[in-house]
Amino acid sequence: MAKQYTVSDLATHAESIILEAQRNKEPIHVSMGGAAAAVIVDADLYASQMMALAEFDRIFRKEASIRPEKSEE
């Protein structure tokens, strides 16, 4: 399960929280006023997820462009 910290925790312990995200390769959720505010992830993990998402998007768009149009009868 993902760890969760408050904005106050982040202000006080930013370095250790970032090191935790890098070490565990797991997202860390940050809340503000009891509501979700941000997510901290390792930069390498973020980059690989963005590349995977871009590849998925490329494949999906290619598949969509080769599907025949539906005819209306």
N, C-alpha and C. Protein backbone atom coordinates (compact mmCIF):
# COMPACT_ATOMS: atom_id res chain seq x y z
N MET A 1 0.85 -1.19 0.00
CA MET A 1 0.00 0.00 0.00
C MET A 1 0.89 1.24 0.00
N ALA A 2 0.48 2.25 -0.73
CA ALA A 2 1.26 3.47 -0.85
C ALA A 2 1.28 4.24 0.47
N LYS A 3 2.43 4.83 0.74
CA LYS A 3 2.57 5.66 1.94
C LYS A 3 1.85 6.97 1.74
N GLN A 4 1.45 7.60 2.84
CA GLN A 4 0.79 8.89 2.77
C GLN A 4 1.37 9.81 3.84
N TYR A 5 1.63 11.04 3.42
CA TYR A 5 2.13 12.07 4.32
C TYR A 5 1.30 13.33 4.15
N THR A 6 1.39 14.21 5.12
CA THR A 6 0.74 15.52 5.01
C THR A 6 1.73 16.52 4.43
N VAL A 7 1.22 17.67 4.01
CA VAL A 7 2.08 18.74 3.53
C VAL A 7 3.05 19.17 4.63
N SER A 8 2.58 19.17 5.87
CA SER A 8 3.46 19.53 6.99
C SER A 8 4.61 18.53 7.12
N ASP A 9 4.30 17.23 6.97
CA ASP A 9 5.35 16.21 6.99
C ASP A 9 6.37 16.48 5.88
N LEU A 10 5.86 16.80 4.70
CA LEU A 10 6.73 17.05 3.56
C LEU A 10 7.61 18.27 3.80
N ALA A 11 7.05 19.31 4.38
CA ALA A 11 7.82 20.52 4.66
C ALA A 11 8.96 20.24 5.64
N THR A 12 8.70 19.36 6.58
CA THR A 12 9.69 19.05 7.61
C THR A 12 10.68 17.98 7.17
N HIS A 13 10.23 17.01 6.38
CA HIS A 13 11.05 15.84 6.06
C HIS A 13 11.17 15.58 4.55
N ALA A 14 11.23 16.63 3.76
CA ALA A 14 11.22 16.47 2.30
C ALA A 14 12.31 15.53 1.80
N GLU A 15 13.52 15.71 2.26
CA GLU A 15 14.62 14.89 1.76
C GLU A 15 14.39 13.40 2.05
N SER A 16 14.00 13.07 3.27
CA SER A 16 13.82 11.65 3.61
C SER A 16 12.61 11.06 2.88
N ILE A 17 11.57 11.85 2.64
CA ILE A 17 10.40 11.36 1.91
C ILE A 17 10.77 11.10 0.45
N ILE A 18 11.53 11.99 -0.15
CA ILE A 18 11.97 11.79 -1.53
C ILE A 18 12.90 10.58 -1.63
N LEU A 19 13.81 10.43 -0.69
CA LEU A 19 14.69 9.26 -0.69
C LEU A 19 13.88 7.97 -0.55
N GLU A 20 12.82 8.01 0.24
CA GLU A 20 11.95 6.84 0.40
C GLU A 20 11.28 6.48 -0.93
N ALA A 21 10.80 7.50 -1.65
CA ALA A 21 10.17 7.26 -2.96
C ALA A 21 11.18 6.67 -3.94
N GLN A 22 12.40 7.15 -3.91
CA GLN A 22 13.45 6.63 -4.80
C GLN A 22 13.81 5.20 -4.43
N ARG A 23 13.94 4.92 -3.17
CA ARG A 23 14.35 3.60 -2.69
C ARG A 23 13.28 2.54 -2.95
N ASN A 24 12.03 2.87 -2.66
CA ASN A 24 10.94 1.89 -2.74
C ASN A 24 10.30 1.80 -4.12
N LYS A 25 10.55 2.78 -4.97
CA LYS A 25 9.92 2.81 -6.30
C LYS A 25 8.40 2.70 -6.20
N GLU A 26 7.84 3.31 -5.18
CA GLU A 26 6.40 3.34 -4.94
C GLU A 26 5.96 4.79 -4.81
N PRO A 27 4.78 5.13 -5.30
CA PRO A 27 4.29 6.51 -5.14
C PRO A 27 4.02 6.83 -3.67
N ILE A 28 4.23 8.08 -3.33
CA ILE A 28 3.93 8.58 -1.99
C ILE A 28 2.88 9.67 -2.14
N HIS A 29 1.76 9.51 -1.47
CA HIS A 29 0.66 10.46 -1.55
C HIS A 29 0.83 11.54 -0.50
N VAL A 30 0.55 12.78 -0.90
CA VAL A 30 0.64 13.92 0.02
C VAL A 30 -0.74 14.55 0.11
N SER A 31 -1.19 14.75 1.35
CA SER A 31 -2.51 15.35 1.56
C SER A 31 -2.35 16.75 2.15
N MET A 32 -3.36 17.58 1.87
CA MET A 32 -3.39 18.94 2.41
C MET A 32 -4.81 19.20 2.88
N GLY A 33 -4.94 19.51 4.13
CA GLY A 33 -6.27 19.74 4.69
C GLY A 33 -7.15 18.50 4.64
N GLY A 34 -6.52 17.33 4.70
CA GLY A 34 -7.27 16.08 4.70
C GLY A 34 -7.63 15.55 3.32
N ALA A 35 -7.30 16.30 2.28
CA ALA A 35 -7.62 15.88 0.91
C ALA A 35 -6.34 15.60 0.12
N ALA A 36 -6.44 14.71 -0.84
CA ALA A 36 -5.29 14.41 -1.69
C ALA A 36 -4.82 15.68 -2.39
N ALA A 37 -3.49 15.90 -2.40
CA ALA A 37 -2.95 17.12 -3.00
C ALA A 37 -1.88 16.84 -4.05
N ALA A 38 -1.07 15.79 -3.85
CA ALA A 38 0.02 15.52 -4.78
C ALA A 38 0.50 14.09 -4.59
N VAL A 39 1.29 13.64 -5.57
CA VAL A 39 1.91 12.33 -5.50
C VAL A 39 3.38 12.51 -5.83
N ILE A 40 4.25 11.91 -5.03
CA ILE A 40 5.68 11.94 -5.28
C ILE A 40 6.09 10.57 -5.78
N VAL A 41 6.78 10.55 -6.94
CA VAL A 41 7.29 9.30 -7.48
C VAL A 41 8.75 9.49 -7.87
N ASP A 42 9.49 8.40 -7.90
CA ASP A 42 10.86 8.40 -8.35
C ASP A 42 10.90 8.90 -9.79
N ALA A 43 11.88 9.73 -10.13
CA ALA A 43 11.97 10.31 -11.47
C ALA A 43 12.13 9.25 -12.55
N ASP A 44 12.94 8.23 -12.31
CA ASP A 44 13.12 7.17 -13.31
C ASP A 44 11.83 6.39 -13.51
N LEU A 45 11.11 6.11 -12.44
CA LEU A 45 9.82 5.42 -12.54
C LEU A 45 8.83 6.26 -13.33
N TYR A 46 8.79 7.55 -13.04
CA TYR A 46 7.90 8.46 -13.76
C TYR A 46 8.21 8.45 -15.25
N ALA A 47 9.50 8.57 -15.59
CA ALA A 47 9.91 8.59 -16.99
C ALA A 47 9.51 7.30 -17.71
N SER A 48 9.73 6.16 -17.08
CA SER A 48 9.39 4.89 -17.72
C SER A 48 7.88 4.74 -17.88
N GLN A 49 7.12 5.22 -16.91
CA GLN A 49 5.66 5.15 -17.02
C GLN A 49 5.15 6.08 -18.12
N MET A 50 5.76 7.24 -18.27
CA MET A 50 5.35 8.17 -19.33
C MET A 50 5.70 7.60 -20.71
N MET A 51 6.84 6.92 -20.83
CA MET A 51 7.20 6.29 -22.09
C MET A 51 6.22 5.17 -22.42
N ALA A 52 5.84 4.38 -21.42
CA ALA A 52 4.88 3.30 -21.63
C ALA A 52 3.52 3.87 -22.04
N LEU A 53 3.11 4.95 -21.41
CA LEU A 53 1.84 5.58 -21.75
C LEU A 53 1.88 6.14 -23.18
N ALA A 54 2.99 6.75 -23.56
CA ALA A 54 3.12 7.27 -24.92
C ALA A 54 3.06 6.14 -25.94
N GLU A 55 3.69 5.02 -25.63
CA GLU A 55 3.65 3.86 -26.54
C GLU A 55 2.23 3.31 -26.65
N PHE A 56 1.54 3.21 -25.54
CA PHE A 56 0.15 2.77 -25.55
C PHE A 56 -0.70 3.70 -26.41
N ASP A 57 -0.51 5.00 -26.23
CA ASP A 57 -1.26 5.99 -26.99
C ASP A 57 -0.96 5.85 -28.48
N ARG A 58 0.30 5.65 -28.84
CA ARG A 58 0.69 5.49 -30.24
C ARG A 58 0.00 4.25 -30.84
N ILE A 59 0.03 3.15 -30.12
CA ILE A 59 -0.59 1.92 -30.59
C ILE A 59 -2.11 2.09 -30.71
N PHE A 60 -2.71 2.70 -29.71
CA PHE A 60 -4.16 2.89 -29.73
C PHE A 60 -4.57 3.76 -30.91
N ARG A 61 -3.84 4.85 -31.15
CA ARG A 61 -4.17 5.74 -32.27
C ARG A 61 -3.99 5.01 -33.61
N LYS A 62 -2.95 4.20 -33.72
CA LYS A 62 -2.72 3.45 -34.95
C LYS A 62 -3.87 2.47 -35.18
N GLU A 63 -4.27 1.75 -34.12
CA GLU A 63 -5.39 0.80 -34.23
C GLU A 63 -6.67 1.53 -34.61
N ALA A 64 -6.90 2.67 -34.03
CA ALA A 64 -8.12 3.42 -34.30
C ALA A 64 -8.14 3.91 -35.75
N SER A 65 -6.97 4.23 -36.28
CA SER A 65 -6.93 4.76 -37.64
C SER A 65 -7.13 3.69 -38.70
N ILE A 66 -6.94 2.41 -38.37
CA ILE A 66 -7.10 1.36 -39.37
C ILE A 66 -8.44 0.63 -39.25
N ARG A 67 -9.22 0.98 -38.26
CA ARG A 67 -10.55 0.36 -38.14
C ARG A 67 -11.47 0.93 -39.21
N PRO A 68 -12.27 0.07 -39.81
CA PRO A 68 -13.22 0.57 -40.81
C PRO A 68 -14.30 1.41 -40.13
N GLU A 69 -14.76 2.40 -40.85
CA GLU A 69 -15.85 3.24 -40.36
C GLU A 69 -17.12 2.40 -40.25
N LYS A 70 -17.92 2.68 -39.26
CA LYS A 70 -19.21 2.00 -39.14
C LYS A 70 -20.17 2.63 -40.12
N SER A 71 -20.87 1.80 -40.86
CA SER A 71 -21.84 2.33 -41.80
C SER A 71 -23.18 2.48 -41.10
N GLU A 72 -23.87 3.55 -41.49
CA GLU A 72 -25.19 3.79 -40.90
C GLU A 72 -26.23 3.26 -41.87
N GLU A 73 -27.10 2.42 -41.40
CA GLU A 73 -28.14 1.85 -42.26
C GLU A 73 -29.50 2.26 -41.82
